[in-house]
Amino acid sequence: MLESSSAFTSVITNIDISRSIANTIFNFILIIRSVIIKIKWLFNENNDSFLASIQIQTTGKGLKHGMN
């Protein structure tokens, strides 16, 4: 009886450890994602007119292509 209870507690401890590892990885991914979004935002802020001209060109091509 004592052996089964200790095995049960070790399983619970393993579940807790894996859950904390999963939470750590998840938080790390969220941090990386927010950093990437901020970098993209800074890049877009600096090249706003450049991106706007690209968007106008692509939408113009798309509209012309759609009309044909």
N, C-alpha and C. Protein backbone atom coordinates (compact mmCIF):
# COMPACT_ATOMS: atom_id res chain seq x y z
N MET A 1 0.83 -1.20 0.00
CA MET A 1 0.00 0.00 0.00
C MET A 1 0.87 1.26 0.00
N LEU A 2 1.92 1.22 0.78
CA LEU A 2 2.81 2.38 0.86
C LEU A 2 3.53 2.61 -0.47
N GLU A 3 3.91 1.52 -1.14
CA GLU A 3 4.60 1.67 -2.42
C GLU A 3 3.70 2.30 -3.47
N SER A 4 2.44 1.89 -3.52
CA SER A 4 1.54 2.44 -4.52
C SER A 4 1.29 3.93 -4.26
N SER A 5 1.19 4.33 -3.00
CA SER A 5 0.95 5.74 -2.72
C SER A 5 2.18 6.58 -3.08
N SER A 6 3.37 6.06 -2.85
CA SER A 6 4.57 6.82 -3.22
C SER A 6 4.69 6.91 -4.74
N ALA A 7 4.30 5.84 -5.44
CA ALA A 7 4.31 5.88 -6.90
C ALA A 7 3.31 6.92 -7.39
N PHE A 8 2.17 6.98 -6.73
CA PHE A 8 1.13 7.95 -7.11
C PHE A 8 1.63 9.38 -6.91
N THR A 9 2.29 9.62 -5.78
CA THR A 9 2.81 10.98 -5.55
C THR A 9 3.91 11.32 -6.54
N SER A 10 4.71 10.35 -6.94
CA SER A 10 5.75 10.64 -7.93
C SER A 10 5.13 10.97 -9.28
N VAL A 11 4.02 10.29 -9.62
CA VAL A 11 3.31 10.61 -10.87
C VAL A 11 2.78 12.03 -10.80
N ILE A 12 2.19 12.39 -9.66
CA ILE A 12 1.67 13.75 -9.50
C ILE A 12 2.80 14.77 -9.61
N THR A 13 3.93 14.46 -9.00
CA THR A 13 5.07 15.38 -9.07
C THR A 13 5.55 15.52 -10.51
N ASN A 14 5.58 14.41 -11.25
CA ASN A 14 5.99 14.48 -12.66
C ASN A 14 5.02 15.32 -13.46
N ILE A 15 3.73 15.17 -13.18
CA ILE A 15 2.72 15.97 -13.88
C ILE A 15 2.93 17.45 -13.58
N ASP A 16 3.19 17.77 -12.31
CA ASP A 16 3.43 19.16 -11.93
C ASP A 16 4.67 19.72 -12.62
N ILE A 17 5.73 18.91 -12.68
CA ILE A 17 6.97 19.36 -13.33
C ILE A 17 6.73 19.60 -14.81
N SER A 18 6.05 18.65 -15.47
CA SER A 18 5.81 18.83 -16.90
C SER A 18 4.88 20.00 -17.16
N ARG A 19 3.93 20.23 -16.26
CA ARG A 19 3.03 21.37 -16.42
C ARG A 19 3.80 22.68 -16.28
N SER A 20 4.72 22.75 -15.33
CA SER A 20 5.50 23.98 -15.15
C SER A 20 6.43 24.20 -16.35
N ILE A 21 6.98 23.10 -16.88
CA ILE A 21 7.82 23.23 -18.08
C ILE A 21 6.98 23.73 -19.25
N ALA A 22 5.78 23.19 -19.41
CA ALA A 22 4.90 23.62 -20.49
C ALA A 22 4.52 25.09 -20.33
N ASN A 23 4.24 25.51 -19.10
CA ASN A 23 3.92 26.92 -18.86
C ASN A 23 5.10 27.81 -19.19
N THR A 24 6.29 27.37 -18.83
CA THR A 24 7.49 28.16 -19.12
C THR A 24 7.68 28.31 -20.62
N ILE A 25 7.54 27.20 -21.34
CA ILE A 25 7.70 27.25 -22.80
C ILE A 25 6.64 28.15 -23.41
N PHE A 26 5.39 28.03 -22.93
CA PHE A 26 4.30 28.84 -23.46
C PHE A 26 4.56 30.33 -23.23
N ASN A 27 4.99 30.68 -22.02
CA ASN A 27 5.30 32.08 -21.72
C ASN A 27 6.46 32.58 -22.57
N PHE A 28 7.45 31.73 -22.78
CA PHE A 28 8.59 32.10 -23.62
C PHE A 28 8.13 32.38 -25.05
N ILE A 29 7.24 31.53 -25.57
CA ILE A 29 6.71 31.74 -26.92
C ILE A 29 5.93 33.05 -26.99
N LEU A 30 5.13 33.33 -25.96
CA LEU A 30 4.37 34.59 -25.94
C LEU A 30 5.31 35.79 -25.93
N ILE A 31 6.39 35.71 -25.16
CA ILE A 31 7.35 36.83 -25.10
C ILE A 31 8.00 37.02 -26.46
N ILE A 32 8.43 35.92 -27.09
CA ILE A 32 9.06 36.01 -28.42
C ILE A 32 8.08 36.61 -29.42
N ARG A 33 6.81 36.17 -29.35
CA ARG A 33 5.79 36.67 -30.26
C ARG A 33 5.59 38.17 -30.09
N SER A 34 5.52 38.63 -28.85
CA SER A 34 5.33 40.07 -28.62
C SER A 34 6.54 40.87 -29.09
N VAL A 35 7.74 40.30 -28.91
CA VAL A 35 8.95 40.99 -29.38
C VAL A 35 8.93 41.09 -30.90
N ILE A 36 8.55 40.01 -31.58
CA ILE A 36 8.49 40.03 -33.05
C ILE A 36 7.46 41.05 -33.52
N ILE A 37 6.31 41.11 -32.84
CA ILE A 37 5.28 42.08 -33.22
C ILE A 37 5.80 43.50 -33.03
N LYS A 38 6.53 43.75 -31.94
CA LYS A 38 7.07 45.09 -31.71
C LYS A 38 8.11 45.44 -32.76
N ILE A 39 8.95 44.48 -33.13
CA ILE A 39 9.96 44.74 -34.16
C ILE A 39 9.28 45.06 -35.49
N LYS A 40 8.24 44.27 -35.83
CA LYS A 40 7.51 44.55 -37.07
C LYS A 40 6.86 45.93 -37.01
N TRP A 41 6.31 46.29 -35.84
CA TRP A 41 5.66 47.59 -35.69
C TRP A 41 6.66 48.71 -35.88
N LEU A 42 7.86 48.57 -35.28
CA LEU A 42 8.90 49.58 -35.45
C LEU A 42 9.32 49.68 -36.91
N PHE A 43 9.45 48.52 -37.56
CA PHE A 43 9.83 48.51 -38.97
C PHE A 43 8.77 49.20 -39.82
N ASN A 44 7.50 48.94 -39.51
CA ASN A 44 6.41 49.57 -40.25
C ASN A 44 6.37 51.07 -39.99
N GLU A 45 6.65 51.49 -38.75
CA GLU A 45 6.65 52.92 -38.44
C GLU A 45 7.72 53.64 -39.24
N ASN A 46 8.88 53.03 -39.38
CA ASN A 46 9.99 53.68 -40.08
C ASN A 46 9.76 53.71 -41.58
N ASN A 47 9.12 52.69 -42.12
CA ASN A 47 8.96 52.58 -43.57
C ASN A 47 7.49 52.69 -43.98
N ASP A 48 6.78 53.62 -43.35
CA ASP A 48 5.35 53.73 -43.60
C ASP A 48 5.05 54.09 -45.05
N SER A 49 5.73 55.11 -45.58
CA SER A 49 5.44 55.55 -46.94
C SER A 49 5.87 54.48 -47.94
N PHE A 50 6.98 53.81 -47.64
CA PHE A 50 7.47 52.75 -48.52
C PHE A 50 6.45 51.62 -48.62
N LEU A 51 5.93 51.19 -47.45
CA LEU A 51 4.94 50.13 -47.45
C LEU A 51 3.64 50.58 -48.10
N ALA A 52 3.26 51.84 -47.90
CA ALA A 52 2.03 52.34 -48.51
C ALA A 52 2.15 52.32 -50.03
N SER A 53 3.31 52.69 -50.56
CA SER A 53 3.49 52.68 -52.02
C SER A 53 3.44 51.25 -52.54
N ILE A 54 4.02 50.30 -51.80
CA ILE A 54 3.95 48.89 -52.22
C ILE A 54 2.50 48.41 -52.21
N GLN A 55 1.75 48.78 -51.17
CA GLN A 55 0.36 48.35 -51.09
C GLN A 55 -0.46 48.93 -52.24
N ILE A 56 -0.22 50.19 -52.58
CA ILE A 56 -0.95 50.82 -53.68
C ILE A 56 -0.63 50.09 -54.98
N GLN A 57 0.64 49.77 -55.18
CA GLN A 57 1.03 49.07 -56.41
C GLN A 57 0.36 47.70 -56.49
N THR A 58 0.39 46.96 -55.40
CA THR A 58 -0.17 45.60 -55.44
C THR A 58 -1.67 45.64 -55.59
N THR A 59 -2.36 46.58 -54.91
CA THR A 59 -3.82 46.64 -55.05
C THR A 59 -4.18 47.10 -56.45
N GLY A 60 -3.39 48.02 -57.01
CA GLY A 60 -3.65 48.44 -58.39
C GLY A 60 -3.50 47.28 -59.36
N LYS A 61 -2.46 46.48 -59.18
CA LYS A 61 -2.27 45.31 -60.03
C LYS A 61 -3.42 44.33 -59.84
N GLY A 62 -3.83 44.15 -58.58
CA GLY A 62 -4.91 43.21 -58.31
C GLY A 62 -6.21 43.66 -58.95
N LEU A 63 -6.49 44.97 -58.90
CA LEU A 63 -7.72 45.48 -59.49
C LEU A 63 -7.68 45.33 -61.01
N LYS A 64 -6.54 45.68 -61.62
CA LYS A 64 -6.43 45.55 -63.08
C LYS A 64 -6.58 44.10 -63.50
N HIS A 65 -5.93 43.22 -62.74
CA HIS A 65 -6.00 41.80 -63.06
C HIS A 65 -7.43 41.28 -62.91
N GLY A 66 -8.13 41.76 -61.90
CA GLY A 66 -9.50 41.31 -61.68
C GLY A 66 -10.45 41.79 -62.76
N MET A 67 -10.20 42.99 -63.30
CA MET A 67 -11.09 43.52 -64.33
C MET A 67 -10.93 42.77 -65.64
N ASN A 68 -9.71 42.30 -65.92
CA ASN A 68 -9.49 41.55 -67.16
C ASN A 68 -10.09 40.18 -66.99
